[in-house]
Amino acid sequence: MTEDNQSVRDTTTGQADGAAQFTDASGAEQGISEKAVSHKRGGFSSKIGFVLAAAGSAVGLGNLWRFPYLAAKYGGGMFLLCYVLLAVTFGFCLLVLEIAIGRKTGKGVIGAFAALNKKFKWFGFVCLIVPIIIIPYYSVIGGWVVRYIVAFLEGNGQLIGEAANADTSAQFFAAFTADPWQPLIYFLIFGAATILVVVFGVQKGIERMSKILMPALAILAVFLMIYVLCQPGAWEGVKKLFVPDFGDFTYETLLAALGQLFYSMSLAMCIMITYGSYMKKDASISGSARQISICDTLFAIVAALIIIPSIYAFSSDPESVASQSGPSLMFVQLPAVFNNIPGGRWIGAVFFVLVFFAALTSSISLAEAIVSVLRENCKLKRLPACAIVFGIMLVLGTLSSLGFGPLSMINIAGKNLLDIFDYLSNSILMPIVAIGTCIIAGYFYDLNIISDEIGMRKKGTRLYFRIMIRFVAPVCMAAILFSGIFLQL
């Protein structure tokens, strides 16, 4: 079940003396023994296993409710153009950096930053706060998704039926989330499913499940996209998404695309460093990162092609509906739209199964990032490490769930407990972690070593990577942080 007895993967660069050498920016070598670097971590059995797991982490709720909403709000085609350009430049560089740090050090996030520079071991603890905060409330939302699957299969009258509309859908969502017990039960179902996969380890759990869920995700998404695009009026939504109007371009469009890319690719969540530490040495980091980026971007576009055209085809006020964000779009507006689609009951059920798979692959990666650190730093076996993570999920997730009911009186700047956790992690901590990662790798470590690990051979490519990590990425992350602090409060 676990991987404690698997062969130790070689995580060094193959030095004959059995020591992995790490060089900081001053040129001083820090010798770290191969045994210390290669804790019994196991690893992905193949490149495709790594790519599917990492892509599964990137493909999550952000693709399904945040990308379509932002695309509709910020000019459709103009937003998409900015997003794609940022994905192949800024996003790609940060992605390969995190994967390379993980593979080079062969450690979880705390050990990885200690290996880069001993002075920054503390920064690994800061990074670890991100998945600890995110996975509980993410699992609460995952529980909501499970409830909606059940509701559509039941043919719930508030979501599907002659009298069903946005008002009855809103009533269903409000009554469900305000109930102290129902959301907790579904949260436990989703959380248990997450931990069960992680308990089985990297190969038998995460990799095997990713090879099942990711193809299933692709099939469901393409089916729904084709079905929606065949509906009358849907092509108005397609034009909205793909035809850029340069008059729509503003700094807000660029900032929104930058923020979405940052969240969508699972950057600054400890995930890519952790998965990178499980990656085989003969696999191409740049090639894998390119495939992950393509999968993530394509899925975001397909999700938008499901949601935006369906809104334009079946809503009397598509601009207003499409601009709804977060839970309102996913759990209120879309069910009302599905009610007007032929076979909407089954289309709604399929859609929320799709959302469930996307959420599950992301929550698995968040849990593994924490489990990896507990196993490495606390010398725990996988099962007790998973039990600790599940305990964290129960405590913080219960607070998030009850924030819509018995604890709804806890409100800061108009935000309930779930919104507070989401704001702290996404708008504050993640940009800080990304800035810190770029600064530590760019100024307190030799980026040439990272470039070698990635496989960059051309001087121009290495210079471009250095400029992105040292200068461009920190400035972009600072812009996201500034936006989070001063524009969202």
Protein backbone atom coordinates (compact mmCIF):
# COMPACT_ATOMS: atom_id res chain seq x y z
CA MET A 1 0.00 0.00 0.00
CA THR A 2 2.78 2.42 0.87
CA GLU A 3 6.14 3.10 -0.73
CA ASP A 4 8.43 2.91 2.29
CA ASN A 5 10.08 -0.22 0.95
CA GLN A 6 10.51 0.88 -2.65
CA SER A 7 13.91 1.34 -4.17
CA VAL A 8 15.50 4.66 -3.41
CA ARG A 9 15.49 6.80 -6.53
CA ASP A 10 18.72 8.53 -7.45
CA THR A 11 18.10 12.23 -6.94
CA THR A 12 21.62 13.44 -7.47
CA THR A 13 23.39 14.39 -10.67
CA GLY A 14 25.41 11.20 -10.57
CA GLN A 15 28.61 12.25 -8.74
CA ALA A 16 30.96 9.33 -8.19
CA ASP A 17 31.58 10.25 -4.56
CA GLY A 18 27.89 9.83 -3.74
CA ALA A 19 27.32 13.44 -2.80
CA ALA A 20 25.05 15.96 -4.45
CA GLN A 21 26.72 19.33 -4.69
CA PHE A 22 24.66 22.49 -4.39
CA THR A 23 26.24 25.83 -5.13
CA ASP A 24 24.89 29.14 -3.85
CA ALA A 25 25.31 32.52 -5.56
CA SER A 26 28.63 33.18 -3.85
CA GLY A 27 30.09 30.01 -5.31
CA ALA A 28 30.42 28.18 -1.96
CA GLU A 29 29.62 24.50 -2.30
CA GLN A 30 27.27 22.86 0.14
CA GLY A 31 27.79 19.09 0.20
CA ILE A 32 24.66 17.10 0.93
CA SER A 33 24.97 13.38 1.12
CA GLU A 34 23.04 11.27 -1.33
CA LYS A 35 21.35 9.47 1.54
CA ALA A 36 20.15 12.74 3.00
CA VAL A 37 18.83 13.93 -0.33
CA SER A 38 17.12 10.72 -1.35
CA HIS A 39 14.75 9.99 1.50
CA LYS A 40 12.66 6.94 0.66
CA ARG A 41 10.23 8.90 -1.45
CA GLY A 42 9.39 6.56 -4.30
CA GLY A 43 8.55 8.31 -7.55
CA PHE A 44 6.47 8.36 -10.70
CA SER A 45 7.05 5.27 -12.81
CA SER A 46 6.89 7.13 -16.12
CA LYS A 47 6.94 10.56 -17.72
CA ILE A 48 3.27 10.27 -18.67
CA GLY A 49 2.43 9.48 -15.05
CA PHE A 50 4.16 12.65 -13.91
CA VAL A 51 2.58 14.80 -16.62
CA LEU A 52 -0.95 13.50 -15.94
CA ALA A 53 -0.57 13.96 -12.18
CA ALA A 54 0.84 17.48 -12.53
CA ALA A 55 -1.74 18.41 -15.16
CA GLY A 56 -4.44 17.03 -12.88
CA SER A 57 -3.18 19.32 -10.15
CA ALA A 58 -3.31 22.31 -12.49
CA VAL A 59 -6.75 21.43 -13.87
CA GLY A 60 -9.10 22.30 -11.05
CA LEU A 61 -11.92 24.53 -9.92
CA GLY A 62 -10.00 27.60 -11.11
CA ASN A 63 -10.33 26.41 -14.71
CA LEU A 64 -14.03 25.67 -14.36
CA TRP A 65 -15.41 28.67 -12.60
CA ARG A 66 -12.70 31.32 -12.49
CA PHE A 67 -11.41 31.25 -16.07
CA PRO A 68 -14.85 31.50 -17.80
CA TYR A 69 -15.94 34.26 -15.43
CA LEU A 70 -12.77 36.31 -15.98
CA ALA A 71 -12.88 35.74 -19.73
CA ALA A 72 -16.44 37.04 -19.87
CA LYS A 73 -15.70 39.99 -17.59
CA TYR A 74 -12.47 41.15 -19.21
CA GLY A 75 -13.19 41.17 -22.91
CA GLY A 76 -13.32 37.51 -23.91
CA GLY A 77 -10.88 37.22 -26.81
CA MET A 78 -8.61 39.96 -25.42
CA PHE A 79 -8.37 38.17 -22.08
CA LEU A 80 -7.66 34.84 -23.81
CA LEU A 81 -4.89 36.40 -25.92
CA CYS A 82 -3.21 37.87 -22.83
CA TYR A 83 -3.56 34.56 -20.99
CA VAL A 84 -1.94 32.50 -23.75
CA LEU A 85 0.95 34.95 -24.17
CA LEU A 86 1.61 34.92 -20.43
CA ALA A 87 1.34 31.11 -20.32
CA VAL A 88 4.15 30.58 -22.83
CA THR A 89 6.43 33.13 -21.15
CA PHE A 90 5.97 33.96 -17.50
CA GLY A 91 3.97 30.85 -16.50
CA PHE A 92 6.27 28.39 -18.26
CA CYS A 93 9.41 29.81 -16.57
CA LEU A 94 7.91 29.60 -13.08
CA LEU A 95 6.64 26.08 -13.73
CA VAL A 96 10.01 24.71 -14.88
CA LEU A 97 11.73 26.50 -11.98
CA GLU A 98 9.60 24.76 -9.35
CA ILE A 99 9.85 21.34 -11.00
CA ALA A 100 13.62 21.72 -11.35
CA ILE A 101 14.04 22.71 -7.69
CA GLY A 102 12.12 19.61 -6.66
CA ARG A 103 14.02 17.22 -8.90
CA LYS A 104 17.45 18.72 -8.18
CA THR A 105 17.06 18.51 -4.41
CA GLY A 106 14.90 15.37 -4.30
CA LYS A 107 13.07 16.81 -1.29
CA GLY A 108 9.77 18.23 -0.12
CA VAL A 109 9.41 21.97 0.09
CA ILE A 110 11.16 22.50 3.46
CA GLY A 111 14.17 20.34 2.57
CA ALA A 112 14.27 21.81 -0.94
CA PHE A 113 14.79 25.40 0.23
CA ALA A 114 17.27 24.25 2.87
CA ALA A 115 19.22 22.50 0.11
CA LEU A 116 19.23 25.60 -2.08
CA ASN A 117 20.52 27.73 0.78
CA LYS A 118 20.58 26.74 4.46
CA LYS A 119 19.62 30.27 5.47
CA PHE A 120 16.21 29.82 3.87
CA LYS A 121 14.97 26.61 5.42
CA TRP A 122 12.42 28.74 7.28
CA PHE A 123 10.91 29.80 3.96
CA GLY A 124 9.86 26.20 3.33
CA PHE A 125 7.60 26.43 6.39
CA VAL A 126 6.02 29.59 4.96
CA CYS A 127 5.36 27.74 1.70
CA LEU A 128 3.79 24.82 3.57
CA ILE A 129 1.12 27.11 5.05
CA VAL A 130 -0.41 27.49 1.58
CA PRO A 131 -1.61 23.89 1.01
CA ILE A 132 -2.50 23.59 4.71
CA ILE A 133 -4.93 26.50 4.32
CA ILE A 134 -6.22 25.62 0.85
CA ILE A 135 -7.03 21.90 1.06
CA PRO A 136 -9.66 22.14 3.86
CA TYR A 137 -11.86 24.77 2.21
CA TYR A 138 -11.19 23.27 -1.24
CA SER A 139 -12.57 19.99 0.08
CA VAL A 140 -15.64 21.79 1.43
CA ILE A 141 -16.34 23.07 -2.10
CA GLY A 142 -15.64 19.56 -3.39
CA GLY A 143 -18.36 18.37 -1.02
CA TRP A 144 -20.79 20.86 -2.53
CA VAL A 145 -20.00 19.39 -5.95
CA VAL A 146 -20.84 15.89 -4.69
CA ARG A 147 -24.18 17.21 -3.37
CA TYR A 148 -25.02 18.71 -6.75
CA ILE A 149 -24.25 15.43 -8.53
CA VAL A 150 -26.77 13.75 -6.24
CA ALA A 151 -29.30 16.56 -6.71
CA PHE A 152 -29.20 16.38 -10.50
CA LEU A 153 -29.42 12.58 -10.49
CA GLU A 154 -32.45 12.89 -8.20
CA GLY A 155 -33.99 15.50 -10.48
CA ASN A 156 -34.34 17.97 -7.59
CA GLY A 157 -37.28 20.28 -8.32
CA GLN A 158 -35.42 23.42 -7.29
CA LEU A 159 -32.75 22.77 -9.94
CA ILE A 160 -34.59 20.85 -12.66
CA GLY A 161 -38.27 21.28 -13.45
CA GLU A 162 -40.88 23.68 -14.77
CA ALA A 163 -40.58 26.01 -11.76
CA ALA A 164 -36.76 25.87 -11.55
CA ASN A 165 -34.87 29.09 -12.27
CA ALA A 166 -32.01 31.17 -10.85
CA ASP A 167 -34.10 32.09 -7.79
CA THR A 168 -34.97 28.51 -6.86
CA SER A 169 -31.36 27.48 -7.56
CA ALA A 170 -30.14 30.22 -5.21
CA GLN A 171 -32.60 29.04 -2.56
CA PHE A 172 -31.35 25.47 -2.88
CA PHE A 173 -27.72 26.57 -2.50
CA ALA A 174 -28.46 28.87 0.45
CA ALA A 175 -30.49 26.23 2.30
CA PHE A 176 -27.86 23.55 1.69
CA THR A 177 -24.83 25.60 2.82
CA ALA A 178 -26.68 27.01 5.84
CA ASP A 179 -27.48 23.50 7.11
CA PRO A 180 -24.88 22.55 9.75
CA TRP A 181 -24.83 18.83 8.88
CA GLN A 182 -25.37 18.22 5.16
CA PRO A 183 -22.31 20.16 3.95
CA LEU A 184 -20.17 18.46 6.61
CA ILE A 185 -21.25 15.01 5.46
CA TYR A 186 -20.45 15.72 1.81
CA PHE A 187 -17.19 17.44 2.82
CA LEU A 188 -16.18 14.26 4.67
CA ILE A 189 -16.99 12.16 1.58
CA PHE A 190 -14.78 14.32 -0.64
CA GLY A 191 -11.99 14.57 1.95
CA ALA A 192 -11.98 10.81 2.53
CA ALA A 193 -11.77 10.18 -1.23
CA THR A 194 -8.75 12.50 -1.41
CA ILE A 195 -6.88 10.88 1.47
CA LEU A 196 -7.69 7.36 0.30
CA VAL A 197 -5.85 7.98 -2.98
CA VAL A 198 -2.86 9.59 -1.22
CA VAL A 199 -2.58 6.69 1.27
CA PHE A 200 -1.76 4.34 -1.61
CA GLY A 201 1.29 6.43 -2.48
CA VAL A 202 2.72 8.06 -5.58
CA GLN A 203 2.61 5.17 -8.06
CA LYS A 204 -0.27 3.03 -6.76
CA GLY A 205 -2.38 6.00 -5.70
CA ILE A 206 -1.71 9.35 -7.34
CA GLU A 207 -0.26 8.12 -10.64
CA ARG A 208 -2.75 5.32 -11.13
CA MET A 209 -5.73 7.54 -10.31
CA SER A 210 -4.43 10.33 -12.57
CA LYS A 211 -4.24 7.89 -15.48
CA ILE A 212 -7.94 7.17 -14.92
CA LEU A 213 -9.29 10.60 -14.03
CA MET A 214 -7.48 12.74 -16.61
CA PRO A 215 -8.70 10.80 -19.68
CA ALA A 216 -12.17 10.70 -18.11
CA LEU A 217 -11.99 14.48 -17.62
CA ALA A 218 -11.03 14.96 -21.26
CA ILE A 219 -13.85 12.74 -22.56
CA LEU A 220 -16.51 14.40 -20.39
CA ALA A 221 -15.29 17.90 -21.22
CA VAL A 222 -15.21 17.31 -24.99
CA PHE A 223 -18.66 15.66 -24.88
CA LEU A 224 -20.18 18.60 -23.00
CA MET A 225 -18.45 21.13 -25.26
CA ILE A 226 -19.78 19.50 -28.46
CA TYR A 227 -23.27 19.19 -26.96
CA VAL A 228 -23.37 22.86 -25.93
CA LEU A 229 -21.95 24.14 -29.23
CA CYS A 230 -24.71 22.33 -31.10
CA GLN A 231 -27.37 24.38 -29.29
CA PRO A 232 -28.98 27.38 -31.06
CA GLY A 233 -27.36 30.68 -30.15
CA ALA A 234 -24.21 29.09 -28.67
CA TRP A 235 -21.91 30.60 -31.30
CA GLU A 236 -22.50 34.08 -29.89
CA GLY A 237 -20.61 32.86 -26.84
CA VAL A 238 -17.87 31.40 -29.03
CA LYS A 239 -17.36 34.77 -30.73
CA LYS A 240 -17.24 36.45 -27.32
CA LEU A 241 -14.46 34.10 -26.25
CA PHE A 242 -12.29 34.02 -29.37
CA VAL A 243 -12.64 37.35 -31.16
CA PRO A 244 -10.38 39.91 -29.46
CA ASP A 245 -11.35 43.56 -29.34
CA PHE A 246 -8.21 45.56 -28.67
CA GLY A 247 -10.37 48.33 -27.30
CA ASP A 248 -11.11 46.00 -24.37
CA PHE A 249 -7.46 45.90 -23.32
CA THR A 250 -6.74 47.51 -19.95
CA TYR A 251 -4.21 46.93 -17.20
CA GLU A 252 -7.02 45.11 -15.36
CA THR A 253 -7.30 42.62 -18.23
CA LEU A 254 -3.57 41.90 -18.07
CA LEU A 255 -3.61 41.63 -14.27
CA ALA A 256 -6.62 39.29 -14.33
CA ALA A 257 -4.96 37.04 -16.92
CA LEU A 258 -1.74 37.03 -14.90
CA GLY A 259 -3.55 36.13 -11.70
CA GLN A 260 -5.58 33.37 -13.34
CA LEU A 261 -2.47 31.85 -14.89
CA PHE A 262 -0.71 31.92 -11.53
CA TYR A 263 -3.54 30.08 -9.74
CA SER A 264 -4.39 27.76 -12.62
CA MET A 265 -0.92 26.23 -12.99
CA SER A 266 -0.65 25.31 -9.28
CA LEU A 267 2.32 27.62 -8.74
CA ALA A 268 3.50 28.55 -5.23
CA MET A 269 1.45 25.77 -3.62
CA CYS A 270 4.36 23.36 -2.92
CA ILE A 271 2.83 20.99 -5.47
CA MET A 272 5.23 21.28 -8.38
CA ILE A 273 8.30 21.15 -6.11
CA THR A 274 6.90 18.01 -4.48
CA TYR A 275 5.98 16.34 -7.78
CA GLY A 276 9.33 17.40 -9.23
CA SER A 277 11.09 15.52 -6.42
CA TYR A 278 9.33 12.35 -7.62
CA MET A 279 10.33 12.89 -11.25
CA LYS A 280 12.77 10.58 -13.01
CA LYS A 281 16.14 12.01 -14.01
CA ASP A 282 15.81 10.92 -17.63
CA ALA A 283 12.53 12.80 -18.13
CA SER A 284 12.62 16.22 -19.80
CA ILE A 285 11.55 19.00 -17.45
CA SER A 286 10.92 21.51 -20.23
CA GLY A 287 9.05 18.95 -22.34
CA SER A 288 6.90 17.86 -19.39
CA ALA A 289 6.20 21.46 -18.37
CA ARG A 290 5.16 22.27 -21.92
CA GLN A 291 2.70 19.39 -21.93
CA ILE A 292 1.32 20.41 -18.53
CA SER A 293 0.85 23.99 -19.73
CA ILE A 294 -0.89 22.85 -22.90
CA CYS A 295 -3.24 20.51 -20.98
CA ASP A 296 -4.10 23.22 -18.46
CA THR A 297 -4.70 25.91 -21.09
CA LEU A 298 -6.75 23.62 -23.36
CA PHE A 299 -8.92 22.51 -20.46
CA ALA A 300 -9.53 26.13 -19.41
CA ILE A 301 -10.58 26.98 -22.97
CA VAL A 302 -12.82 23.90 -23.23
CA ALA A 303 -14.41 24.80 -19.87
CA ALA A 304 -15.08 28.29 -21.19
CA LEU A 305 -16.56 26.74 -24.37
CA ILE A 306 -18.95 24.76 -22.17
CA ILE A 307 -20.02 27.57 -19.88
CA ILE A 308 -20.00 30.81 -21.92
CA PRO A 309 -21.85 29.48 -25.04
CA SER A 310 -24.43 27.72 -22.84
CA ILE A 311 -25.11 31.00 -21.03
CA TYR A 312 -25.45 32.88 -24.32
CA ALA A 313 -27.74 30.19 -25.71
CA PHE A 314 -30.10 29.79 -22.76
CA SER A 315 -29.97 32.94 -20.64
CA SER A 316 -32.00 36.07 -21.24
CA ASP A 317 -29.18 38.22 -19.82
CA PRO A 318 -25.93 36.44 -20.74
CA GLU A 319 -23.59 39.34 -19.92
CA SER A 320 -24.92 39.54 -16.35
CA VAL A 321 -24.90 35.77 -15.78
CA ALA A 322 -21.41 35.28 -17.24
CA SER A 323 -19.98 37.98 -14.98
CA GLN A 324 -21.03 36.09 -11.84
CA SER A 325 -17.98 34.73 -10.02
CA GLY A 326 -17.19 31.74 -7.84
CA PRO A 327 -20.04 29.84 -6.16
CA SER A 328 -22.70 32.05 -7.74
CA LEU A 329 -21.72 31.01 -11.28
CA MET A 330 -21.11 27.35 -10.51
CA PHE A 331 -23.89 26.58 -8.04
CA VAL A 332 -26.63 29.11 -8.85
CA GLN A 333 -26.46 30.41 -12.42
CA LEU A 334 -25.28 27.29 -14.26
CA PRO A 335 -27.92 24.94 -12.78
CA ALA A 336 -30.55 27.42 -13.98
CA VAL A 337 -28.97 27.36 -17.43
CA PHE A 338 -28.87 23.55 -17.49
CA ASN A 339 -32.58 23.52 -16.68
CA ASN A 340 -33.23 25.12 -20.08
CA ILE A 341 -31.00 22.71 -22.02
CA PRO A 342 -32.59 19.62 -23.59
CA GLY A 343 -31.70 16.73 -21.30
CA GLY A 344 -30.50 19.29 -18.74
CA ARG A 345 -30.88 16.94 -15.78
CA TRP A 346 -28.30 14.53 -17.20
CA ILE A 347 -26.10 17.26 -18.65
CA GLY A 348 -25.99 18.88 -15.21
CA ALA A 349 -25.06 15.58 -13.59
CA VAL A 350 -22.28 14.98 -16.14
CA PHE A 351 -21.02 18.53 -15.69
CA PHE A 352 -20.71 18.19 -11.92
CA VAL A 353 -19.03 14.78 -12.28
CA LEU A 354 -16.52 16.62 -14.48
CA VAL A 355 -16.09 19.26 -11.77
CA PHE A 356 -15.68 16.52 -9.15
CA PHE A 357 -12.87 14.84 -11.08
CA ALA A 358 -11.10 18.18 -11.60
CA ALA A 359 -11.41 19.10 -7.93
CA LEU A 360 -10.27 15.66 -6.76
CA THR A 361 -7.05 15.64 -8.81
CA SER A 362 -6.16 19.05 -7.38
CA SER A 363 -6.96 18.17 -3.76
CA ILE A 364 -4.86 14.98 -4.06
CA SER A 365 -1.82 17.04 -5.07
CA LEU A 366 -2.34 19.49 -2.19
CA ALA A 367 -2.54 16.64 0.30
CA GLU A 368 0.56 14.96 -1.12
CA ALA A 369 2.57 18.18 -0.73
CA ILE A 370 1.90 18.13 3.02
CA VAL A 371 2.33 14.36 3.39
CA SER A 372 5.71 14.56 1.67
CA VAL A 373 7.00 17.07 4.23
CA LEU A 374 5.66 15.07 7.20
CA ARG A 375 7.30 11.87 5.94
CA GLU A 376 10.61 13.55 5.24
CA ASN A 377 10.95 15.87 8.23
CA CYS A 378 9.06 13.93 10.91
CA LYS A 379 10.18 10.49 9.66
CA LEU A 380 6.59 9.28 9.53
CA LYS A 381 5.24 6.46 7.42
CA ARG A 382 2.65 7.36 4.82
CA LEU A 383 -0.42 6.19 6.74
CA PRO A 384 0.11 8.29 9.92
CA ALA A 385 1.16 11.26 7.77
CA CYS A 386 -2.11 10.98 5.85
CA ALA A 387 -4.02 10.72 9.14
CA ILE A 388 -2.48 14.01 10.30
CA VAL A 389 -3.41 15.73 7.03
CA PHE A 390 -6.97 14.41 7.32
CA GLY A 391 -7.11 15.80 10.87
CA ILE A 392 -6.04 19.23 9.60
CA MET A 393 -8.68 19.02 6.89
CA LEU A 394 -11.37 18.15 9.44
CA VAL A 395 -10.58 21.05 11.77
CA LEU A 396 -10.17 23.86 9.24
CA GLY A 397 -12.70 22.41 6.80
CA THR A 398 -15.37 22.26 9.49
CA LEU A 399 -14.79 25.94 10.24
CA SER A 400 -15.16 26.81 6.54
CA SER A 401 -18.30 24.70 6.21
CA LEU A 402 -19.97 26.13 9.31
CA GLY A 403 -19.09 29.65 8.16
CA PHE A 404 -22.27 29.59 6.06
CA GLY A 405 -24.42 28.48 9.01
CA PRO A 406 -23.72 28.52 12.77
CA LEU A 407 -20.48 30.52 12.35
CA SER A 408 -21.84 32.98 9.80
CA MET A 409 -21.53 35.77 12.36
CA ILE A 410 -17.74 35.62 11.87
CA ASN A 411 -17.28 38.13 9.09
CA ILE A 412 -14.25 40.24 8.18
CA ALA A 413 -14.54 42.91 5.48
CA GLY A 414 -17.63 41.17 4.14
CA LYS A 415 -15.89 37.78 3.95
CA ASN A 416 -17.04 34.59 5.69
CA LEU A 417 -14.55 32.01 6.97
CA LEU A 418 -14.18 30.18 3.65
CA ASP A 419 -13.64 33.47 1.81
CA ILE A 420 -11.08 34.55 4.42
CA PHE A 421 -9.06 31.34 3.98
CA ASP A 422 -9.29 31.72 0.19
CA TYR A 423 -8.19 35.38 0.34
CA LEU A 424 -5.23 34.71 2.65
CA SER A 425 -3.92 31.83 0.57
CA ASN A 426 -4.57 33.03 -2.98
CA SER A 427 -4.17 36.79 -2.72
CA ILE A 428 -1.53 37.12 0.00
CA LEU A 429 0.52 33.99 0.71
CA MET A 430 0.86 32.57 -2.81
CA PRO A 431 2.29 35.77 -4.34
CA ILE A 432 4.68 36.06 -1.36
CA VAL A 433 5.80 32.46 -1.85
CA ALA A 434 6.32 33.00 -5.58
CA ILE A 435 8.34 36.18 -5.01
CA GLY A 436 10.45 34.43 -2.36
CA THR A 437 11.07 31.42 -4.61
CA CYS A 438 12.30 33.64 -7.46
CA ILE A 439 14.53 35.71 -5.16
CA ILE A 440 16.08 32.69 -3.41
CA ALA A 441 16.67 30.80 -6.68
CA GLY A 442 17.74 33.89 -8.59
CA TYR A 443 19.98 35.67 -6.10
CA PHE A 444 21.03 33.17 -3.41
CA TYR A 445 21.64 30.16 -5.63
CA ASP A 446 23.35 29.63 -8.95
CA LEU A 447 20.67 29.71 -11.64
CA ASN A 448 23.09 27.97 -14.00
CA ILE A 449 22.62 24.81 -11.94
CA ILE A 450 18.84 25.11 -12.32
CA SER A 451 19.28 25.73 -16.05
CA ASP A 452 21.42 22.58 -16.31
CA GLU A 453 18.77 20.59 -14.43
CA ILE A 454 16.11 21.84 -16.84
CA GLY A 455 18.33 21.02 -19.80
CA MET A 456 18.81 24.53 -21.16
CA ARG A 457 21.83 24.51 -23.46
CA LYS A 458 21.60 27.71 -25.51
CA LYS A 459 23.03 30.89 -24.02
CA GLY A 460 20.05 32.92 -25.22
CA THR A 461 17.59 30.58 -23.52
CA ARG A 462 19.55 30.65 -20.26
CA LEU A 463 19.72 34.46 -20.34
CA TYR A 464 15.98 34.71 -21.02
CA PHE A 465 15.27 32.35 -18.10
CA ARG A 466 17.54 34.37 -15.80
CA ILE A 467 15.81 37.65 -16.70
CA MET A 468 12.36 36.13 -16.16
CA ILE A 469 13.20 34.66 -12.75
CA ARG A 470 15.28 37.54 -11.41
CA PHE A 471 13.32 40.51 -12.69
CA VAL A 472 10.08 39.90 -14.59
CA ALA A 473 8.42 37.26 -12.38
CA PRO A 474 9.00 39.08 -9.05
CA VAL A 475 7.54 42.29 -10.50
CA CYS A 476 4.49 40.41 -11.83
CA MET A 477 3.98 38.68 -8.49
CA ALA A 478 4.30 42.00 -6.67
CA ALA A 479 1.54 43.36 -8.92
CA ILE A 480 -0.72 40.44 -7.95
CA LEU A 481 0.10 40.97 -4.27
CA PHE A 482 -0.61 44.70 -4.55
CA SER A 483 -3.90 43.94 -6.27
CA GLY A 484 -4.83 41.45 -3.56
CA ILE A 485 -4.11 43.84 -0.72
CA PHE A 486 -5.38 47.14 -2.06
CA LEU A 487 -7.96 46.31 -4.74
CA GLN A 488 -9.84 43.33 -3.27
CA LEU A 489 -10.44 44.61 0.26
